[in-house]
Amino acid sequence: MVKNPLHWMDRGGESSGFPPVLQALGALSVFGGGVAILAGFLTPLAGLGLAGAMLVALALHLSHGTPFVKSAPDAPGESYDTSLLYLAIALLFVFLGSGTLSLDYLLFG
């Protein structure tokens, strides 16, 4: 992955079931949303993008029947507890916005 970070676009979306355009939009929303929240710029909008990405991740986990929590920390496989946690955090940014130390506060008051 580090040698070619965009290799997931070479496969054409067959493995995930999503077209490459939607995969690229998902990657852009996660990266751009993270940068925007870090800077405190358009925080509710960035939170919506991240919440959408986490809803897709949560839906994929639930459709594959993954458990909520692993039986042991080193157990093989995945769980959907982190996707649910990240969704809750993104929704907090949507509803609460950013604080006084943000670009939103400087630009919009």
C-alpha atoms as a PDB file:
ATOM      1  CA  MET A   1       0.000   0.000   0.000  1.00  0.00           C
ATOM      2  CA  VAL A   2       2.804   2.432   0.789  1.00  0.00           C
ATOM      3  CA  LYS A   3       4.604   1.767  -2.492  1.00  0.00           C
ATOM      4  CA  ASN A   4       1.469   2.465  -4.527  1.00  0.00           C
ATOM      5  CA  PRO A   5      -1.212   4.155  -2.422  1.00  0.00           C
ATOM      6  CA  LEU A   6      -3.681   4.272  -5.314  1.00  0.00           C
ATOM      7  CA  HIS A   7      -3.480   0.583  -6.252  1.00  0.00           C
ATOM      8  CA  TRP A   8      -7.044   0.052  -5.026  1.00  0.00           C
ATOM      9  CA  MET A   9      -8.232   2.062  -8.042  1.00  0.00           C
ATOM     10  CA  ASP A  10      -6.590  -0.409 -10.448  1.00  0.00           C
ATOM     11  CA  ARG A  11      -9.032  -3.177  -9.589  1.00  0.00           C
ATOM     12  CA  GLY A  12     -12.091  -1.366 -10.934  1.00  0.00           C
ATOM     13  CA  GLY A  13     -14.182  -1.843  -7.824  1.00  0.00           C
ATOM     14  CA  GLU A  14     -14.915  -5.533  -8.375  1.00  0.00           C
ATOM     15  CA  SER A  15     -13.740  -6.617  -4.953  1.00  0.00           C
ATOM     16  CA  SER A  16     -15.754  -4.074  -2.976  1.00  0.00           C
ATOM     17  CA  GLY A  17     -18.840  -3.805  -5.145  1.00  0.00           C
ATOM     18  CA  PHE A  18     -18.461  -0.028  -5.500  1.00  0.00           C
ATOM     19  CA  PRO A  19     -17.494   1.759  -8.718  1.00  0.00           C
ATOM     20  CA  PRO A  20     -14.057   3.417  -8.710  1.00  0.00           C
ATOM     21  CA  VAL A  21     -15.638   6.888  -8.802  1.00  0.00           C
ATOM     22  CA  LEU A  22     -17.460   6.261  -5.524  1.00  0.00           C
ATOM     23  CA  GLN A  23     -14.308   4.767  -4.018  1.00  0.00           C
ATOM     24  CA  ALA A  24     -12.387   7.917  -4.930  1.00  0.00           C
ATOM     25  CA  LEU A  25     -15.143  10.134  -3.494  1.00  0.00           C
ATOM     26  CA  GLY A  26     -15.031   8.128  -0.286  1.00  0.00           C
ATOM     27  CA  ALA A  27     -11.271   8.522  -0.010  1.00  0.00           C
ATOM     28  CA  LEU A  28     -11.567  12.238  -0.742  1.00  0.00           C
ATOM     29  CA  SER A  29     -14.281  12.735   1.873  1.00  0.00           C
ATOM     30  CA  VAL A  30     -12.273  10.924   4.541  1.00  0.00           C
ATOM     31  CA  PHE A  31      -9.021  12.758   3.773  1.00  0.00           C
ATOM     32  CA  GLY A  32     -10.591  16.163   3.119  1.00  0.00           C
ATOM     33  CA  GLY A  33     -12.946  15.835   6.067  1.00  0.00           C
ATOM     34  CA  GLY A  34     -10.072  15.001   8.379  1.00  0.00           C
ATOM     35  CA  VAL A  35      -8.044  17.990   7.214  1.00  0.00           C
ATOM     36  CA  ALA A  36     -11.071  20.308   7.493  1.00  0.00           C
ATOM     37  CA  ILE A  37     -11.889  19.137  11.014  1.00  0.00           C
ATOM     38  CA  LEU A  38      -8.253  19.473  12.037  1.00  0.00           C
ATOM     39  CA  ALA A  39      -8.269  23.085  10.823  1.00  0.00           C
ATOM     40  CA  GLY A  40     -11.780  23.746  12.097  1.00  0.00           C
ATOM     41  CA  PHE A  41     -12.977  24.819   8.648  1.00  0.00           C
ATOM     42  CA  LEU A  42     -16.576  24.037   7.623  1.00  0.00           C
ATOM     43  CA  THR A  43     -16.706  21.544  10.452  1.00  0.00           C
ATOM     44  CA  PRO A  44     -20.384  20.478  10.175  1.00  0.00           C
ATOM     45  CA  LEU A  45     -20.003  19.845   6.446  1.00  0.00           C
ATOM     46  CA  ALA A  46     -16.788  17.893   6.992  1.00  0.00           C
ATOM     47  CA  GLY A  47     -18.518  15.910   9.725  1.00  0.00           C
ATOM     48  CA  LEU A  48     -21.307  15.013   7.297  1.00  0.00           C
ATOM     49  CA  GLY A  49     -18.773  13.673   4.805  1.00  0.00           C
ATOM     50  CA  LEU A  50     -17.069  11.600   7.463  1.00  0.00           C
ATOM     51  CA  ALA A  51     -20.406  10.367   8.819  1.00  0.00           C
ATOM     52  CA  GLY A  52     -21.388   9.248   5.322  1.00  0.00           C
ATOM     53  CA  ALA A  53     -18.151   7.327   4.920  1.00  0.00           C
ATOM     54  CA  MET A  54     -18.608   5.683   8.317  1.00  0.00           C
ATOM     55  CA  LEU A  55     -22.205   4.752   7.482  1.00  0.00           C
ATOM     56  CA  VAL A  56     -20.940   2.920   4.407  1.00  0.00           C
ATOM     57  CA  ALA A  57     -18.238   1.196   6.480  1.00  0.00           C
ATOM     58  CA  LEU A  58     -20.796   0.221   9.112  1.00  0.00           C
ATOM     59  CA  ALA A  59     -23.200  -1.108   6.474  1.00  0.00           C
ATOM     60  CA  LEU A  60     -20.431  -3.214   4.935  1.00  0.00           C
ATOM     61  CA  HIS A  61     -19.487  -4.651   8.324  1.00  0.00           C
ATOM     62  CA  LEU A  62     -23.099  -5.471   9.150  1.00  0.00           C
ATOM     63  CA  SER A  63     -23.761  -7.027   5.738  1.00  0.00           C
ATOM     64  CA  HIS A  64     -20.770  -9.344   6.199  1.00  0.00           C
ATOM     65  CA  GLY A  65     -21.921 -10.403   9.661  1.00  0.00           C
ATOM     66  CA  THR A  66     -18.885  -9.162  11.556  1.00  0.00           C
ATOM     67  CA  PRO A  67     -19.231  -9.073  15.343  1.00  0.00           C
ATOM     68  CA  PHE A  68     -19.547  -5.880  17.379  1.00  0.00           C
ATOM     69  CA  VAL A  69     -16.361  -6.622  19.347  1.00  0.00           C
ATOM     70  CA  LYS A  70     -13.653  -9.235  18.752  1.00  0.00           C
ATOM     71  CA  SER A  71     -13.422 -12.134  21.174  1.00  0.00           C
ATOM     72  CA  ALA A  72      -9.790 -11.192  21.910  1.00  0.00           C
ATOM     73  CA  PRO A  73      -7.659  -8.201  20.879  1.00  0.00           C
ATOM     74  CA  ASP A  74      -5.372 -10.398  18.785  1.00  0.00           C
ATOM     75  CA  ALA A  75      -8.196 -12.480  17.290  1.00  0.00           C
ATOM     76  CA  PRO A  76      -8.275 -12.595  13.490  1.00  0.00           C
ATOM     77  CA  GLY A  77     -10.971 -10.761  11.600  1.00  0.00           C
ATOM     78  CA  GLU A  78     -12.717  -7.456  11.984  1.00  0.00           C
ATOM     79  CA  SER A  79     -15.339  -5.874  14.194  1.00  0.00           C
ATOM     80  CA  TYR A  80     -17.571  -2.878  13.656  1.00  0.00           C
ATOM     81  CA  ASP A  81     -17.158  -1.133  17.009  1.00  0.00           C
ATOM     82  CA  THR A  82     -14.598   1.337  15.645  1.00  0.00           C
ATOM     83  CA  SER A  83     -16.813   2.260  12.686  1.00  0.00           C
ATOM     84  CA  LEU A  84     -19.664   2.952  15.088  1.00  0.00           C
ATOM     85  CA  LEU A  85     -17.393   5.029  17.332  1.00  0.00           C
ATOM     86  CA  TYR A  86     -16.097   7.096  14.397  1.00  0.00           C
ATOM     87  CA  LEU A  87     -19.678   7.618  13.204  1.00  0.00           C
ATOM     88  CA  ALA A  88     -20.654   8.953  16.636  1.00  0.00           C
ATOM     89  CA  ILE A  89     -17.648  11.298  16.690  1.00  0.00           C
ATOM     90  CA  ALA A  90     -18.444  12.588  13.190  1.00  0.00           C
ATOM     91  CA  LEU A  91     -22.051  13.251  14.232  1.00  0.00           C
ATOM     92  CA  LEU A  92     -20.785  15.189  17.245  1.00  0.00           C
ATOM     93  CA  PHE A  93     -18.878  17.460  14.871  1.00  0.00           C
ATOM     94  CA  VAL A  94     -22.007  17.867  12.737  1.00  0.00           C
ATOM     95  CA  PHE A  95     -24.239  18.894  15.635  1.00  0.00           C
ATOM     96  CA  LEU A  96     -21.770  20.703  17.908  1.00  0.00           C
ATOM     97  CA  GLY A  97     -19.489  22.266  15.311  1.00  0.00           C
ATOM     98  CA  SER A  98     -16.049  23.526  16.134  1.00  0.00           C
ATOM     99  CA  GLY A  99     -14.960  25.596  19.086  1.00  0.00           C
ATOM    100  CA  THR A 100     -13.484  29.045  19.448  1.00  0.00           C
ATOM    101  CA  LEU A 101     -10.021  27.944  18.298  1.00  0.00           C
ATOM    102  CA  SER A 102     -11.078  27.261  14.716  1.00  0.00           C
ATOM    103  CA  LEU A 103     -11.259  28.885  11.319  1.00  0.00           C
ATOM    104  CA  ASP A 104     -15.053  28.679  11.480  1.00  0.00           C
ATOM    105  CA  TYR A 105     -15.078  30.917  14.549  1.00  0.00           C
ATOM    106  CA  LEU A 106     -12.621  33.381  12.993  1.00  0.00           C
ATOM    107  CA  LEU A 107     -14.475  33.603   9.680  1.00  0.00           C
ATOM    108  CA  PHE A 108     -18.114  33.291  10.721  1.00  0.00           C
ATOM    109  CA  GLY A 109     -18.107  34.288  14.370  1.00  0.00           C
END
